[in-house]
């Protein structure tokens, strides 16, 4: 049985829950019980890991990097990202990420 989706559709796009793991060897996105796990190479120094996570999510979802921003949890590993775009199309892409993952 699949857990609840890690996103919430809103008028201008989606709110997406992610857990960022900084300092990883490879950049990737994979499914987890509480949302998506985003592994980035950047260290958690001065927002570098958050910025790389936003860019990686944007690339994986096929949106421009400026369409993704951190709404909550800038200094935490657990973050809520705001993604601007069509909510239905974005939800479909997030579901594909949950099924297949992404190696960036």
N, C-alpha and C. Protein backbone atom coordinates (compact mmCIF):
# COMPACT_ATOMS: atom_id res chain seq x y z
N UNK A 1 0.83 -1.19 0.00
CA UNK A 1 0.00 0.00 0.00
C UNK A 1 0.87 1.25 0.00
N UNK A 2 0.54 2.19 -0.84
CA UNK A 2 1.33 3.41 -0.98
C UNK A 2 0.92 4.44 0.07
N UNK A 3 1.90 5.14 0.60
CA UNK A 3 1.64 6.17 1.59
C UNK A 3 1.00 7.39 0.92
N UNK A 4 0.54 8.31 1.73
CA UNK A 4 -0.09 9.53 1.22
C UNK A 4 0.91 10.29 0.36
N UNK A 5 0.43 11.01 -0.65
CA UNK A 5 1.35 11.74 -1.52
C UNK A 5 2.12 12.82 -0.75
N UNK A 6 3.36 13.07 -1.15
CA UNK A 6 4.19 14.06 -0.45
C UNK A 6 3.94 15.49 -0.94
N UNK A 7 2.83 15.70 -1.63
CA UNK A 7 2.56 17.02 -2.19
C UNK A 7 1.13 17.44 -1.92
N UNK A 8 0.92 18.74 -2.04
CA UNK A 8 -0.40 19.33 -1.88
C UNK A 8 -0.62 20.28 -3.04
N UNK A 9 -1.62 20.02 -3.90
CA UNK A 9 -1.90 20.96 -4.99
C UNK A 9 -2.45 22.28 -4.43
N UNK A 10 -1.97 23.37 -4.96
CA UNK A 10 -2.46 24.71 -4.61
C UNK A 10 -2.75 25.45 -5.91
N UNK A 11 -3.31 26.63 -5.83
CA UNK A 11 -3.74 27.37 -7.02
C UNK A 11 -2.62 27.58 -8.03
N UNK A 12 -1.42 27.87 -7.56
CA UNK A 12 -0.32 28.21 -8.49
C UNK A 12 0.67 27.07 -8.70
N UNK A 13 0.40 25.87 -8.18
CA UNK A 13 1.33 24.76 -8.36
C UNK A 13 1.20 23.70 -7.28
N UNK A 14 2.32 23.33 -6.68
CA UNK A 14 2.35 22.30 -5.64
C UNK A 14 3.20 22.75 -4.46
N UNK A 15 2.90 22.18 -3.32
CA UNK A 15 3.78 22.24 -2.15
C UNK A 15 4.28 20.82 -1.98
N UNK A 16 5.58 20.64 -1.96
CA UNK A 16 6.20 19.31 -1.95
C UNK A 16 7.08 19.13 -0.72
N UNK A 17 6.86 18.02 0.01
CA UNK A 17 7.69 17.69 1.18
C UNK A 17 8.88 16.87 0.73
N UNK A 18 10.07 17.30 1.14
CA UNK A 18 11.29 16.56 0.82
C UNK A 18 12.18 16.49 2.05
N UNK A 19 13.06 15.50 2.04
CA UNK A 19 14.12 15.40 3.03
C UNK A 19 15.42 15.48 2.25
N UNK A 20 16.26 16.43 2.59
CA UNK A 20 17.51 16.64 1.87
C UNK A 20 18.65 15.99 2.63
N UNK A 21 19.47 15.23 1.89
CA UNK A 21 20.66 14.61 2.47
C UNK A 21 21.87 15.26 1.79
N UNK A 22 22.54 16.18 2.49
CA UNK A 22 23.70 16.86 1.90
C UNK A 22 24.94 16.00 1.95
N UNK A 23 25.92 16.34 1.12
CA UNK A 23 27.20 15.66 1.13
C UNK A 23 27.18 14.26 0.55
N UNK A 24 26.22 13.96 -0.31
CA UNK A 24 26.14 12.63 -0.92
C UNK A 24 27.11 12.51 -2.09
N UNK A 25 27.47 11.28 -2.42
CA UNK A 25 28.35 11.05 -3.57
C UNK A 25 27.65 11.35 -4.89
N UNK A 26 26.37 10.99 -4.96
CA UNK A 26 25.59 11.16 -6.19
C UNK A 26 24.36 12.01 -5.91
N UNK A 27 23.95 12.75 -6.92
CA UNK A 27 22.70 13.51 -6.82
C UNK A 27 21.56 12.60 -7.27
N UNK A 28 20.51 12.52 -6.45
CA UNK A 28 19.38 11.68 -6.82
C UNK A 28 18.13 12.08 -6.05
N UNK A 29 17.00 11.58 -6.55
CA UNK A 29 15.72 11.75 -5.87
C UNK A 29 15.08 10.36 -5.80
N UNK A 30 14.61 9.99 -4.62
CA UNK A 30 13.98 8.69 -4.45
C UNK A 30 12.79 8.81 -3.51
N UNK A 31 11.94 7.83 -3.55
CA UNK A 31 10.74 7.81 -2.72
C UNK A 31 11.06 7.35 -1.31
N UNK A 32 10.34 7.90 -0.34
CA UNK A 32 10.45 7.48 1.05
C UNK A 32 9.06 7.53 1.66
N UNK A 33 8.91 6.97 2.85
CA UNK A 33 7.60 6.94 3.51
C UNK A 33 7.03 8.34 3.73
N UNK A 34 7.87 9.29 4.10
CA UNK A 34 7.38 10.62 4.46
C UNK A 34 7.50 11.64 3.32
N UNK A 35 7.78 11.20 2.11
CA UNK A 35 7.91 12.13 0.98
C UNK A 35 9.00 11.67 0.04
N UNK A 36 9.75 12.63 -0.45
CA UNK A 36 10.86 12.32 -1.34
C UNK A 36 12.17 12.62 -0.64
N UNK A 37 13.17 11.81 -0.93
CA UNK A 37 14.52 12.04 -0.41
C UNK A 37 15.35 12.60 -1.56
N UNK A 38 15.95 13.76 -1.33
CA UNK A 38 16.77 14.42 -2.33
C UNK A 38 18.22 14.39 -1.82
N UNK A 39 19.06 13.68 -2.54
CA UNK A 39 20.48 13.60 -2.19
C UNK A 39 21.26 14.59 -3.06
N UNK A 40 22.05 15.43 -2.39
CA UNK A 40 22.83 16.44 -3.11
C UNK A 40 24.28 16.37 -2.69
N UNK A 41 25.15 16.84 -3.54
CA UNK A 41 26.59 16.83 -3.23
C UNK A 41 26.99 17.96 -2.29
N UNK A 42 26.31 19.09 -2.38
CA UNK A 42 26.67 20.27 -1.59
C UNK A 42 26.54 19.98 -0.09
N UNK A 43 27.38 20.61 0.67
CA UNK A 43 27.31 20.52 2.12
C UNK A 43 26.25 21.50 2.63
N UNK A 44 25.79 21.28 3.84
CA UNK A 44 24.77 22.14 4.44
C UNK A 44 25.43 23.39 5.03
N UNK A 45 25.99 24.20 4.15
CA UNK A 45 26.67 25.43 4.56
C UNK A 45 26.09 26.59 3.76
N UNK A 46 25.58 27.58 4.48
CA UNK A 46 25.05 28.81 3.88
C UNK A 46 24.02 28.55 2.78
N UNK A 47 23.17 27.56 2.97
CA UNK A 47 22.08 27.29 2.04
C UNK A 47 22.45 26.59 0.76
N UNK A 48 23.68 26.12 0.65
CA UNK A 48 24.13 25.48 -0.59
C UNK A 48 23.36 24.19 -0.88
N UNK A 49 23.11 23.37 0.14
CA UNK A 49 22.39 22.12 -0.07
C UNK A 49 20.94 22.39 -0.46
N UNK A 50 20.32 23.37 0.16
CA UNK A 50 18.94 23.73 -0.18
C UNK A 50 18.86 24.23 -1.61
N UNK A 51 19.78 25.07 -2.01
CA UNK A 51 19.79 25.60 -3.38
C UNK A 51 19.98 24.48 -4.40
N UNK A 52 20.89 23.55 -4.12
CA UNK A 52 21.12 22.44 -5.04
C UNK A 52 19.89 21.52 -5.09
N UNK A 53 19.24 21.31 -3.95
CA UNK A 53 18.04 20.48 -3.91
C UNK A 53 16.93 21.10 -4.75
N UNK A 54 16.75 22.40 -4.65
CA UNK A 54 15.72 23.09 -5.45
C UNK A 54 16.01 22.96 -6.94
N UNK A 55 17.28 23.12 -7.32
CA UNK A 55 17.67 22.99 -8.73
C UNK A 55 17.46 21.57 -9.23
N UNK A 56 17.82 20.58 -8.42
CA UNK A 56 17.65 19.18 -8.81
C UNK A 56 16.17 18.83 -8.97
N UNK A 57 15.34 19.28 -8.05
CA UNK A 57 13.89 19.03 -8.15
C UNK A 57 13.33 19.70 -9.40
N UNK A 58 13.76 20.92 -9.68
CA UNK A 58 13.29 21.62 -10.88
C UNK A 58 13.66 20.84 -12.14
N UNK A 59 14.89 20.38 -12.22
CA UNK A 59 15.33 19.61 -13.38
C UNK A 59 14.53 18.32 -13.52
N UNK A 60 14.33 17.62 -12.42
CA UNK A 60 13.59 16.35 -12.45
C UNK A 60 12.14 16.54 -12.86
N UNK A 61 11.56 17.68 -12.49
CA UNK A 61 10.15 17.94 -12.82
C UNK A 61 9.98 18.67 -14.14
N UNK A 62 11.07 19.08 -14.75
CA UNK A 62 10.99 19.75 -16.05
C UNK A 62 10.49 21.18 -15.97
N UNK A 63 10.79 21.86 -14.87
CA UNK A 63 10.42 23.28 -14.74
C UNK A 63 11.70 24.10 -14.60
N UNK A 64 11.59 25.38 -14.81
CA UNK A 64 12.77 26.24 -14.67
C UNK A 64 13.17 26.34 -13.19
N UNK A 65 14.44 26.51 -12.90
CA UNK A 65 14.89 26.56 -11.51
C UNK A 65 14.21 27.66 -10.68
N UNK A 66 13.87 28.76 -11.30
CA UNK A 66 13.22 29.84 -10.55
C UNK A 66 11.79 29.49 -10.15
N UNK A 67 11.23 28.39 -10.67
CA UNK A 67 9.87 27.96 -10.31
C UNK A 67 9.84 27.17 -9.02
N UNK A 68 11.01 26.85 -8.46
CA UNK A 68 11.09 26.06 -7.23
C UNK A 68 11.78 26.90 -6.16
N UNK A 69 11.13 26.99 -5.01
CA UNK A 69 11.76 27.71 -3.89
C UNK A 69 11.41 27.03 -2.58
N UNK A 70 12.25 27.23 -1.61
CA UNK A 70 12.05 26.64 -0.29
C UNK A 70 11.09 27.53 0.50
N UNK A 71 9.94 26.97 0.88
CA UNK A 71 8.95 27.72 1.65
C UNK A 71 9.14 27.56 3.15
N UNK A 72 9.58 26.37 3.55
CA UNK A 72 9.71 26.06 4.96
C UNK A 72 10.88 25.12 5.17
N UNK A 73 11.65 25.33 6.23
CA UNK A 73 12.72 24.41 6.58
C UNK A 73 14.06 24.72 5.94
N UNK A 74 14.35 25.97 5.68
CA UNK A 74 15.59 26.35 5.01
C UNK A 74 16.83 25.82 5.73
N UNK A 75 16.79 25.73 7.05
CA UNK A 75 17.95 25.25 7.81
C UNK A 75 17.74 23.83 8.35
N UNK A 76 16.67 23.18 7.92
CA UNK A 76 16.36 21.83 8.36
C UNK A 76 16.55 20.86 7.20
N UNK A 77 16.70 19.59 7.50
CA UNK A 77 16.76 18.60 6.42
C UNK A 77 15.38 18.35 5.83
N UNK A 78 14.33 18.57 6.62
CA UNK A 78 12.96 18.42 6.15
C UNK A 78 12.47 19.76 5.65
N UNK A 79 12.07 19.80 4.39
CA UNK A 79 11.71 21.06 3.75
C UNK A 79 10.37 20.95 3.04
N UNK A 80 9.71 22.09 2.88
CA UNK A 80 8.55 22.19 2.02
C UNK A 80 8.94 23.12 0.88
N UNK A 81 8.86 22.58 -0.34
CA UNK A 81 9.20 23.36 -1.52
C UNK A 81 7.92 23.82 -2.20
N UNK A 82 7.94 25.03 -2.72
CA UNK A 82 6.84 25.54 -3.52
C UNK A 82 7.26 25.45 -4.98
N UNK A 83 6.41 24.84 -5.80
CA UNK A 83 6.71 24.68 -7.22
C UNK A 83 5.59 25.33 -8.02
N UNK A 84 5.95 26.29 -8.85
CA UNK A 84 4.98 27.02 -9.66
C UNK A 84 4.75 26.28 -10.97
N UNK A 85 3.49 26.09 -11.32
CA UNK A 85 3.14 25.42 -12.57
C UNK A 85 1.74 24.84 -12.48
N UNK A 86 1.38 24.05 -13.47
CA UNK A 86 0.08 23.39 -13.50
C UNK A 86 0.06 22.29 -12.43
N UNK A 87 -0.84 22.40 -11.44
CA UNK A 87 -0.84 21.42 -10.35
C UNK A 87 -1.03 19.97 -10.81
N UNK A 88 -1.90 19.74 -11.78
CA UNK A 88 -2.14 18.37 -12.24
C UNK A 88 -0.92 17.78 -12.93
N UNK A 89 -0.29 18.56 -13.80
CA UNK A 89 0.90 18.09 -14.50
C UNK A 89 2.04 17.84 -13.52
N UNK A 90 2.22 18.75 -12.57
CA UNK A 90 3.28 18.58 -11.58
C UNK A 90 3.03 17.35 -10.70
N UNK A 91 1.79 17.13 -10.30
CA UNK A 91 1.46 15.97 -9.48
C UNK A 91 1.77 14.68 -10.24
N UNK A 92 1.46 14.67 -11.53
CA UNK A 92 1.76 13.50 -12.36
C UNK A 92 3.27 13.25 -12.40
N UNK A 93 4.06 14.30 -12.55
CA UNK A 93 5.52 14.17 -12.59
C UNK A 93 6.09 13.71 -11.26
N UNK A 94 5.52 14.21 -10.15
CA UNK A 94 5.98 13.77 -8.83
C UNK A 94 5.67 12.29 -8.64
N UNK A 95 4.51 11.85 -9.07
CA UNK A 95 4.17 10.42 -8.97
C UNK A 95 5.15 9.58 -9.78
N UNK A 96 5.56 10.07 -10.94
CA UNK A 96 6.55 9.35 -11.74
C UNK A 96 7.89 9.28 -10.99
N UNK A 97 8.26 10.37 -10.30
CA UNK A 97 9.49 10.37 -9.49
C UNK A 97 9.39 9.35 -8.36
N UNK A 98 8.21 9.24 -7.75
CA UNK A 98 8.02 8.27 -6.67
C UNK A 98 8.20 6.85 -7.19
N UNK A 99 7.76 6.61 -8.42
CA UNK A 99 7.85 5.26 -8.99
C UNK A 99 9.25 4.94 -9.51
N UNK A 100 9.85 5.89 -10.21
CA UNK A 100 11.10 5.62 -10.94
C UNK A 100 12.34 6.23 -10.31
N UNK A 101 12.17 7.30 -9.53
CA UNK A 101 13.31 8.01 -9.00
C UNK A 101 13.96 8.87 -10.07
N UNK A 102 15.07 9.50 -9.71
CA UNK A 102 15.78 10.37 -10.63
C UNK A 102 17.24 10.39 -10.25
N UNK A 103 18.10 10.21 -11.21
CA UNK A 103 19.54 10.31 -10.97
C UNK A 103 20.04 11.52 -11.74
N UNK A 104 20.55 12.48 -11.03
CA UNK A 104 20.96 13.72 -11.69
C UNK A 104 22.40 13.89 -11.64
